[in-house]
Amino acid sequence: MSEKHFVYILQTERNTLYCGYTDDIEKRYQAHLEGKGAKYTRANKPIKILWQKEFNTKSEALKEEYRIKHKLTRAQKLELINSQ
């Protein structure tokens, strides 16, 4: 069984976006909902997953997570979400 690697973008109650990496999207989302996911999502409760993409390697996924978090503006993130 090959490992799966995902990058995802969540929408929060405050209409902000949160980007993250996981190898189990359902389990990670549940952790965010329970306040166990990330410091940011403890303060900004997630509403839904807006976007997700699967990668073959953890390295590829983490590079994409970094690009989205640090290189894209909110408008570019929304464009990415709407292009899927």
PDB file of N, CA and C in Angstrom:
ATOM      1  N   MET A   1       0.848  -1.191   0.000  1.00  0.00           N
ATOM      2  CA  MET A   1       0.000   0.000   0.000  1.00  0.00           C
ATOM      3  C   MET A   1       0.887   1.245   0.000  1.00  0.00           C
ATOM      4  N   SER A   2       0.676   2.094  -0.953  1.00  0.00           N
ATOM      5  CA  SER A   2       1.488   3.307  -1.023  1.00  0.00           C
ATOM      6  C   SER A   2       0.872   4.398  -0.152  1.00  0.00           C
ATOM      7  N   GLU A   3       1.746   5.182   0.432  1.00  0.00           N
ATOM      8  CA  GLU A   3       1.316   6.269   1.300  1.00  0.00           C
ATOM      9  C   GLU A   3       0.732   7.404   0.470  1.00  0.00           C
ATOM     10  N   LYS A   4      -0.276   8.053   1.012  1.00  0.00           N
ATOM     11  CA  LYS A   4      -0.877   9.207   0.333  1.00  0.00           C
ATOM     12  C   LYS A   4      -0.445  10.476   1.056  1.00  0.00           C
ATOM     13  N   HIS A   5      -0.314  11.531   0.269  1.00  0.00           N
ATOM     14  CA  HIS A   5       0.106  12.822   0.813  1.00  0.00           C
ATOM     15  C   HIS A   5      -0.816  13.893   0.233  1.00  0.00           C
ATOM     16  N   PHE A   6      -1.399  14.695   1.119  1.00  0.00           N
ATOM     17  CA  PHE A   6      -2.361  15.700   0.694  1.00  0.00           C
ATOM     18  C   PHE A   6      -1.977  17.093   1.184  1.00  0.00           C
ATOM     19  N   VAL A   7      -2.302  18.078   0.366  1.00  0.00           N
ATOM     20  CA  VAL A   7      -2.282  19.468   0.777  1.00  0.00           C
ATOM     21  C   VAL A   7      -3.742  19.916   0.683  1.00  0.00           C
ATOM     22  N   TYR A   8      -4.172  20.711   1.649  1.00  0.00           N
ATOM     23  CA  TYR A   8      -5.575  21.119   1.678  1.00  0.00           C
ATOM     24  C   TYR A   8      -5.692  22.569   2.123  1.00  0.00           C
ATOM     25  N   ILE A   9      -6.825  23.164   1.766  1.00  0.00           N
ATOM     26  CA  ILE A   9      -7.135  24.520   2.228  1.00  0.00           C
ATOM     27  C   ILE A   9      -8.507  24.471   2.899  1.00  0.00           C
ATOM     28  N   LEU A  10      -8.560  24.968   4.129  1.00  0.00           N
ATOM     29  CA  LEU A  10      -9.807  25.041   4.898  1.00  0.00           C
ATOM     30  C   LEU A  10     -10.335  26.463   4.910  1.00  0.00           C
ATOM     31  N   GLN A  11     -11.646  26.580   5.003  1.00  0.00           N
ATOM     32  CA  GLN A  11     -12.279  27.866   5.274  1.00  0.00           C
ATOM     33  C   GLN A  11     -12.646  27.867   6.753  1.00  0.00           C
ATOM     34  N   THR A  12     -12.414  28.988   7.433  1.00  0.00           N
ATOM     35  CA  THR A  12     -12.738  29.076   8.856  1.00  0.00           C
ATOM     36  C   THR A  12     -13.986  29.928   9.077  1.00  0.00           C
ATOM     37  N   GLU A  13     -14.478  29.900  10.308  1.00  0.00           N
ATOM     38  CA  GLU A  13     -15.659  30.693  10.689  1.00  0.00           C
ATOM     39  C   GLU A  13     -15.481  32.170  10.372  1.00  0.00           C
ATOM     40  N   ARG A  14     -14.258  32.648  10.507  1.00  0.00           N
ATOM     41  CA  ARG A  14     -13.971  34.067  10.258  1.00  0.00           C
ATOM     42  C   ARG A  14     -13.681  34.350   8.794  1.00  0.00           C
ATOM     43  N   ASN A  15     -13.971  33.364   7.948  1.00  0.00           N
ATOM     44  CA  ASN A  15     -13.762  33.463   6.502  1.00  0.00           C
ATOM     45  C   ASN A  15     -12.284  33.642   6.133  1.00  0.00           C
ATOM     46  N   THR A  16     -11.409  33.061   6.954  1.00  0.00           N
ATOM     47  CA  THR A  16      -9.996  33.040   6.612  1.00  0.00           C
ATOM     48  C   THR A  16      -9.685  31.678   5.997  1.00  0.00           C
ATOM     49  N   LEU A  17      -8.499  31.566   5.408  1.00  0.00           N
ATOM     50  CA  LEU A  17      -8.074  30.321   4.778  1.00  0.00           C
ATOM     51  C   LEU A  17      -6.901  29.743   5.554  1.00  0.00           C
ATOM     52  N   TYR A  18      -6.894  28.429   5.709  1.00  0.00           N
ATOM     53  CA  TYR A  18      -5.786  27.738   6.362  1.00  0.00           C
ATOM     54  C   TYR A  18      -5.316  26.631   5.443  1.00  0.00           C
ATOM     55  N   CYS A  19      -4.021  26.577   5.204  1.00  0.00           N
ATOM     56  CA  CYS A  19      -3.440  25.546   4.348  1.00  0.00           C
ATOM     57  C   CYS A  19      -2.627  24.594   5.207  1.00  0.00           C
ATOM     58  N   GLY A  20      -2.734  23.294   4.907  1.00  0.00           N
ATOM     59  CA  GLY A  20      -1.976  22.311   5.668  1.00  0.00           C
ATOM     60  C   GLY A  20      -1.625  21.093   4.845  1.00  0.00           C
ATOM     61  N   TYR A  21      -0.836  20.215   5.470  1.00  0.00           N
ATOM     62  CA  TYR A  21      -0.404  18.950   4.870  1.00  0.00           C
ATOM     63  C   TYR A  21      -0.866  17.812   5.766  1.00  0.00           C
ATOM     64  N   THR A  22      -1.195  16.669   5.164  1.00  0.00           N
ATOM     65  CA  THR A  22      -1.530  15.475   5.940  1.00  0.00           C
ATOM     66  C   THR A  22      -1.360  14.228   5.078  1.00  0.00           C
ATOM     67  N   ASP A  23      -1.331  13.082   5.739  1.00  0.00           N
ATOM     68  CA  ASP A  23      -1.361  11.815   5.003  1.00  0.00           C
ATOM     69  C   ASP A  23      -2.725  11.138   5.172  1.00  0.00           C
ATOM     70  N   ASP A  24      -3.622  11.787   5.945  1.00  0.00           N
ATOM     71  CA  ASP A  24      -4.986  11.263   6.148  1.00  0.00           C
ATOM     72  C   ASP A  24      -5.928  12.459   6.311  1.00  0.00           C
ATOM     73  N   ILE A  25      -6.554  12.839   5.221  1.00  0.00           N
ATOM     74  CA  ILE A  25      -7.328  14.088   5.193  1.00  0.00           C
ATOM     75  C   ILE A  25      -8.520  14.076   6.156  1.00  0.00           C
ATOM     76  N   GLU A  26      -9.245  12.957   6.231  1.00  0.00           N
ATOM     77  CA  GLU A  26     -10.422  12.891   7.111  1.00  0.00           C
ATOM     78  C   GLU A  26     -10.008  12.984   8.579  1.00  0.00           C
ATOM     79  N   LYS A  27      -8.976  12.242   8.946  1.00  0.00           N
ATOM     80  CA  LYS A  27      -8.488  12.248  10.328  1.00  0.00           C
ATOM     81  C   LYS A  27      -7.961  13.634  10.710  1.00  0.00           C
ATOM     82  N   ARG A  28      -7.247  14.264   9.811  1.00  0.00           N
ATOM     83  CA  ARG A  28      -6.683  15.596  10.077  1.00  0.00           C
ATOM     84  C   ARG A  28      -7.789  16.644  10.232  1.00  0.00           C
ATOM     85  N   TYR A  29      -8.793  16.578   9.363  1.00  0.00           N
ATOM     86  CA  TYR A  29      -9.907  17.528   9.444  1.00  0.00           C
ATOM     87  C   TYR A  29     -10.630  17.356  10.782  1.00  0.00           C
ATOM     88  N   GLN A  30     -10.841  16.111  11.195  1.00  0.00           N
ATOM     89  CA  GLN A  30     -11.501  15.841  12.471  1.00  0.00           C
ATOM     90  C   GLN A  30     -10.682  16.421  13.618  1.00  0.00           C
ATOM     91  N   ALA A  31      -9.357  16.298  13.533  1.00  0.00           N
ATOM     92  CA  ALA A  31      -8.480  16.873  14.563  1.00  0.00           C
ATOM     93  C   ALA A  31      -8.642  18.391  14.618  1.00  0.00           C
ATOM     94  N   HIS A  32      -8.734  19.037  13.453  1.00  0.00           N
ATOM     95  CA  HIS A  32      -8.958  20.489  13.423  1.00  0.00           C
ATOM     96  C   HIS A  32     -10.282  20.829  14.102  1.00  0.00           C
ATOM     97  N   LEU A  33     -11.329  20.079  13.795  1.00  0.00           N
ATOM     98  CA  LEU A  33     -12.652  20.339  14.374  1.00  0.00           C
ATOM     99  C   LEU A  33     -12.641  20.174  15.896  1.00  0.00           C
ATOM    100  N   GLU A  34     -11.829  19.241  16.388  1.00  0.00           N
ATOM    101  CA  GLU A  34     -11.760  18.980  17.822  1.00  0.00           C
ATOM    102  C   GLU A  34     -10.774  19.902  18.547  1.00  0.00           C
ATOM    103  N   GLY A  35     -10.178  20.839  17.795  1.00  0.00           N
ATOM    104  CA  GLY A  35      -9.238  21.768  18.405  1.00  0.00           C
ATOM    105  C   GLY A  35      -7.863  21.174  18.635  1.00  0.00           C
ATOM    106  N   LYS A  36      -7.572  20.056  17.971  1.00  0.00           N
ATOM    107  CA  LYS A  36      -6.288  19.377  18.143  1.00  0.00           C
ATOM    108  C   LYS A  36      -5.409  19.487  16.893  1.00  0.00           C
ATOM    109  N   GLY A  37      -5.868  20.206  15.897  1.00  0.00           N
ATOM    110  CA  GLY A  37      -5.154  20.247  14.626  1.00  0.00           C
ATOM    111  C   GLY A  37      -3.950  21.155  14.621  1.00  0.00           C
ATOM    112  N   ALA A  38      -4.176  22.424  14.666  1.00  0.00           N
ATOM    113  CA  ALA A  38      -3.098  23.417  14.600  1.00  0.00           C
ATOM    114  C   ALA A  38      -3.501  24.598  15.469  1.00  0.00           C
ATOM    115  N   LYS A  39      -2.520  25.317  15.938  1.00  0.00           N
ATOM    116  CA  LYS A  39      -2.795  26.485  16.784  1.00  0.00           C
ATOM    117  C   LYS A  39      -3.768  27.444  16.075  1.00  0.00           C
ATOM    118  N   TYR A  40      -3.532  27.661  14.785  1.00  0.00           N
ATOM    119  CA  TYR A  40      -4.383  28.584  14.030  1.00  0.00           C
ATOM    120  C   TYR A  40      -5.842  28.137  14.019  1.00  0.00           C
ATOM    121  N   THR A  41      -6.081  26.834  13.819  1.00  0.00           N
ATOM    122  CA  THR A  41      -7.470  26.360  13.729  1.00  0.00           C
ATOM    123  C   THR A  41      -8.112  26.179  15.104  1.00  0.00           C
ATOM    124  N   ARG A  42      -7.320  26.246  16.171  1.00  0.00           N
ATOM    125  CA  ARG A  42      -7.932  26.288  17.505  1.00  0.00           C
ATOM    126  C   ARG A  42      -8.598  27.639  17.718  1.00  0.00           C
ATOM    127  N   ALA A  43      -7.969  28.688  17.200  1.00  0.00           N
ATOM    128  CA  ALA A  43      -8.498  30.046  17.341  1.00  0.00           C
ATOM    129  C   ALA A  43      -9.486  30.402  16.227  1.00  0.00           C
ATOM    130  N   ASN A  44      -9.386  29.719  15.085  1.00  0.00           N
ATOM    131  CA  ASN A  44     -10.231  29.988  13.917  1.00  0.00           C
ATOM    132  C   ASN A  44     -10.857  28.671  13.466  1.00  0.00           C
ATOM    133  N   LYS A  45     -12.040  28.379  14.013  1.00  0.00           N
ATOM    134  CA  LYS A  45     -12.668  27.077  13.782  1.00  0.00           C
ATOM    135  C   LYS A  45     -12.961  26.835  12.297  1.00  0.00           C
ATOM    136  N   PRO A  46     -12.514  25.681  11.782  1.00  0.00           N
ATOM    137  CA  PRO A  46     -12.767  25.382  10.365  1.00  0.00           C
ATOM    138  C   PRO A  46     -14.229  25.035  10.104  1.00  0.00           C
ATOM    139  N   ILE A  47     -14.705  25.428   8.921  1.00  0.00           N
ATOM    140  CA  ILE A  47     -16.073  25.130   8.499  1.00  0.00           C
ATOM    141  C   ILE A  47     -16.066  23.991   7.486  1.00  0.00           C
ATOM    142  N   LYS A  48     -15.161  24.101   6.498  1.00  0.00           N
ATOM    143  CA  LYS A  48     -15.127  23.061   5.462  1.00  0.00           C
ATOM    144  C   LYS A  48     -13.796  23.062   4.726  1.00  0.00           C
ATOM    145  N   ILE A  49     -13.546  21.941   4.067  1.00  0.00           N
ATOM    146  CA  ILE A  49     -12.375  21.822   3.197  1.00  0.00           C
ATOM    147  C   ILE A  49     -12.780  22.383   1.842  1.00  0.00           C
ATOM    148  N   LEU A  50     -12.072  23.418   1.401  1.00  0.00           N
ATOM    149  CA  LEU A  50     -12.393  24.049   0.116  1.00  0.00           C
ATOM    150  C   LEU A  50     -11.628  23.420  -1.045  1.00  0.00           C
ATOM    151  N   TRP A  51     -10.433  22.895  -0.734  1.00  0.00           N
ATOM    152  CA  TRP A  51      -9.553  22.398  -1.800  1.00  0.00           C
ATOM    153  C   TRP A  51      -8.636  21.339  -1.227  1.00  0.00           C
ATOM    154  N   GLN A  52      -8.360  20.324  -2.014  1.00  0.00           N
ATOM    155  CA  GLN A  52      -7.356  19.338  -1.622  1.00  0.00           C
ATOM    156  C   GLN A  52      -6.724  18.747  -2.864  1.00  0.00           C
ATOM    157  N   LYS A  53      -5.471  18.361  -2.734  1.00  0.00           N
ATOM    158  CA  LYS A  53      -4.756  17.757  -3.844  1.00  0.00           C
ATOM    159  C   LYS A  53      -3.856  16.663  -3.298  1.00  0.00           C
ATOM    160  N   GLU A  54      -3.820  15.536  -4.002  1.00  0.00           N
ATOM    161  CA  GLU A  54      -2.988  14.413  -3.590  1.00  0.00           C
ATOM    162  C   GLU A  54      -1.653  14.462  -4.331  1.00  0.00           C
ATOM    163  N   PHE A  55      -0.595  14.076  -3.617  1.00  0.00           N
ATOM    164  CA  PHE A  55       0.760  14.044  -4.186  1.00  0.00           C
ATOM    165  C   PHE A  55       1.364  12.669  -3.999  1.00  0.00           C
ATOM    166  N   ASN A  56       2.325  12.321  -4.860  1.00  0.00           N
ATOM    167  CA  ASN A  56       2.986  11.020  -4.795  1.00  0.00           C
ATOM    168  C   ASN A  56       3.992  10.919  -3.668  1.00  0.00           C
ATOM    169  N   THR A  57       4.612  12.042  -3.322  1.00  0.00           N
ATOM    170  CA  THR A  57       5.621  12.017  -2.255  1.00  0.00           C
ATOM    171  C   THR A  57       5.340  13.105  -1.227  1.00  0.00           C
ATOM    172  N   LYS A  58       5.829  12.867  -0.024  1.00  0.00           N
ATOM    173  CA  LYS A  58       5.692  13.845   1.043  1.00  0.00           C
ATOM    174  C   LYS A  58       6.435  15.123   0.667  1.00  0.00           C
ATOM    175  N   SER A  59       7.591  14.974   0.048  1.00  0.00           N
ATOM    176  CA  SER A  59       8.401  16.120  -0.353  1.00  0.00           C
ATOM    177  C   SER A  59       7.629  17.038  -1.304  1.00  0.00           C
ATOM    178  N   GLU A  60       6.979  16.454  -2.313  1.00  0.00           N
ATOM    179  CA  GLU A  60       6.181  17.256  -3.267  1.00  0.00           C
ATOM    180  C   GLU A  60       5.063  17.990  -2.541  1.00  0.00           C
ATOM    181  N   ALA A  61       4.388  17.281  -1.645  1.00  0.00           N
ATOM    182  CA  ALA A  61       3.267  17.876  -0.914  1.00  0.00           C
ATOM    183  C   ALA A  61       3.733  19.027  -0.036  1.00  0.00           C
ATOM    184  N   LEU A  62       4.839  18.839   0.679  1.00  0.00           N
ATOM    185  CA  LEU A  62       5.324  19.892   1.568  1.00  0.00           C
ATOM    186  C   LEU A  62       5.805  21.116   0.791  1.00  0.00           C
ATOM    187  N   LYS A  63       6.379  20.890  -0.382  1.00  0.00           N
ATOM    188  CA  LYS A  63       6.783  22.022  -1.231  1.00  0.00           C
ATOM    189  C   LYS A  63       5.563  22.818  -1.673  1.00  0.00           C
ATOM    190  N   GLU A  64       4.481  22.112  -2.020  1.00  0.00           N
ATOM    191  CA  GLU A  64       3.262  22.797  -2.445  1.00  0.00           C
ATOM    192  C   GLU A  64       2.613  23.518  -1.274  1.00  0.00           C
ATOM    193  N   GLU A  65       2.605  22.897  -0.104  1.00  0.00           N
ATOM    194  CA  GLU A  65       2.059  23.559   1.084  1.00  0.00           C
ATOM    195  C   GLU A  65       2.825  24.860   1.344  1.00  0.00           C
ATOM    196  N   TYR A  66       4.150  24.799   1.281  1.00  0.00           N
ATOM    197  CA  TYR A  66       4.973  25.988   1.504  1.00  0.00           C
ATOM    198  C   TYR A  66       4.646  27.068   0.474  1.00  0.00           C
ATOM    199  N   ARG A  67       4.541  26.665  -0.790  1.00  0.00           N
ATOM    200  CA  ARG A  67       4.239  27.625  -1.862  1.00  0.00           C
ATOM    201  C   ARG A  67       2.904  28.321  -1.598  1.00  0.00           C
ATOM    202  N   ILE A  68       1.898  27.548  -1.261  1.00  0.00           N
ATOM    203  CA  ILE A  68       0.569  28.124  -1.016  1.00  0.00           C
ATOM    204  C   ILE A  68       0.599  29.050   0.200  1.00  0.00           C
ATOM    205  N   LYS A  69       1.186  28.594   1.293  1.00  0.00           N
ATOM    206  CA  LYS A  69       1.204  29.374   2.534  1.00  0.00           C
ATOM    207  C   LYS A  69       2.015  30.658   2.417  1.00  0.00           C
ATOM    208  N   HIS A  70       3.158  30.581   1.742  1.00  0.00           N
ATOM    209  CA  HIS A  70       4.112  31.688   1.796  1.00  0.00           C
ATOM    210  C   HIS A  70       4.249  32.505   0.514  1.00  0.00           C
ATOM    211  N   LYS A  71       3.761  31.985  -0.590  1.00  0.00           N
ATOM    212  CA  LYS A  71       3.964  32.685  -1.861  1.00  0.00           C
ATOM    213  C   LYS A  71       2.671  33.230  -2.469  1.00  0.00           C
ATOM    214  N   LEU A  72       1.533  32.611  -2.133  1.00  0.00           N
ATOM    215  CA  LEU A  72       0.272  33.027  -2.752  1.00  0.00           C
ATOM    216  C   LEU A  72      -0.484  34.030  -1.889  1.00  0.00           C
ATOM    217  N   THR A  73      -1.089  34.994  -2.550  1.00  0.00           N
ATOM    218  CA  THR A  73      -1.981  35.931  -1.860  1.00  0.00           C
ATOM    219  C   THR A  73      -3.324  35.239  -1.635  1.00  0.00           C
ATOM    220  N   ARG A  74      -4.169  35.855  -0.832  1.00  0.00           N
ATOM    221  CA  ARG A  74      -5.514  35.298  -0.627  1.00  0.00           C
ATOM    222  C   ARG A  74      -6.242  35.159  -1.960  1.00  0.00           C
ATOM    223  N   ALA A  75      -6.132  36.172  -2.819  1.00  0.00           N
ATOM    224  CA  ALA A  75      -6.794  36.137  -4.128  1.00  0.00           C
ATOM    225  C   ALA A  75      -6.278  34.958  -4.960  1.00  0.00           C
ATOM    226  N   GLN A  76      -4.975  34.708  -4.913  1.00  0.00           N
ATOM    227  CA  GLN A  76      -4.403  33.585  -5.668  1.00  0.00           C
ATOM    228  C   GLN A  76      -4.850  32.248  -5.091  1.00  0.00           C
ATOM    229  N   LYS A  77      -5.002  32.184  -3.785  1.00  0.00           N
ATOM    230  CA  LYS A  77      -5.502  30.950  -3.147  1.00  0.00           C
ATOM    231  C   LYS A  77      -6.936  30.680  -3.585  1.00  0.00           C
ATOM    232  N   LEU A  78      -7.753  31.732  -3.610  1.00  0.00           N
ATOM    233  CA  LEU A  78      -9.148  31.586  -4.053  1.00  0.00           C
ATOM    234  C   LEU A  78      -9.215  31.161  -5.516  1.00  0.00           C
ATOM    235  N   GLU A  79      -8.298  31.693  -6.317  1.00  0.00           N
ATOM    236  CA  GLU A  79      -8.220  31.315  -7.722  1.00  0.00           C
ATOM    237  C   GLU A  79      -7.885  29.828  -7.857  1.00  0.00           C
ATOM    238  N   LEU A  80      -6.950  29.357  -7.049  1.00  0.00           N
ATOM    239  CA  LEU A  80      -6.567  27.945  -7.028  1.00  0.00           C
ATOM    240  C   LEU A  80      -7.776  27.081  -6.646  1.00  0.00           C
ATOM    241  N   ILE A  81      -8.485  27.479  -5.613  1.00  0.00           N
ATOM    242  CA  ILE A  81      -9.671  26.757  -5.147  1.00  0.00           C
ATOM    243  C   ILE A  81     -10.725  26.690  -6.258  1.00  0.00           C
ATOM    244  N   ASN A  82     -10.960  27.817  -6.910  1.00  0.00           N
ATOM    245  CA  ASN A  82     -12.002  27.886  -7.939  1.00  0.00           C
ATOM    246  C   ASN A  82     -11.622  27.198  -9.243  1.00  0.00           C
ATOM    247  N   SER A  83     -10.334  26.900  -9.417  1.00  0.00           N
ATOM    248  CA  SER A  83      -9.890  26.283 -10.683  1.00  0.00           C
ATOM    249  C   SER A  83      -9.995  24.757 -10.671  1.00  0.00           C
ATOM    250  N   GLN A  84     -10.343  24.180  -9.533  1.00  0.00           N
ATOM    251  CA  GLN A  84     -10.392  22.702  -9.473  1.00  0.00           C
ATOM    252  C   GLN A  84     -11.677  22.131 -10.015  1.00  0.00           C
TER     253      GLN A  84
END
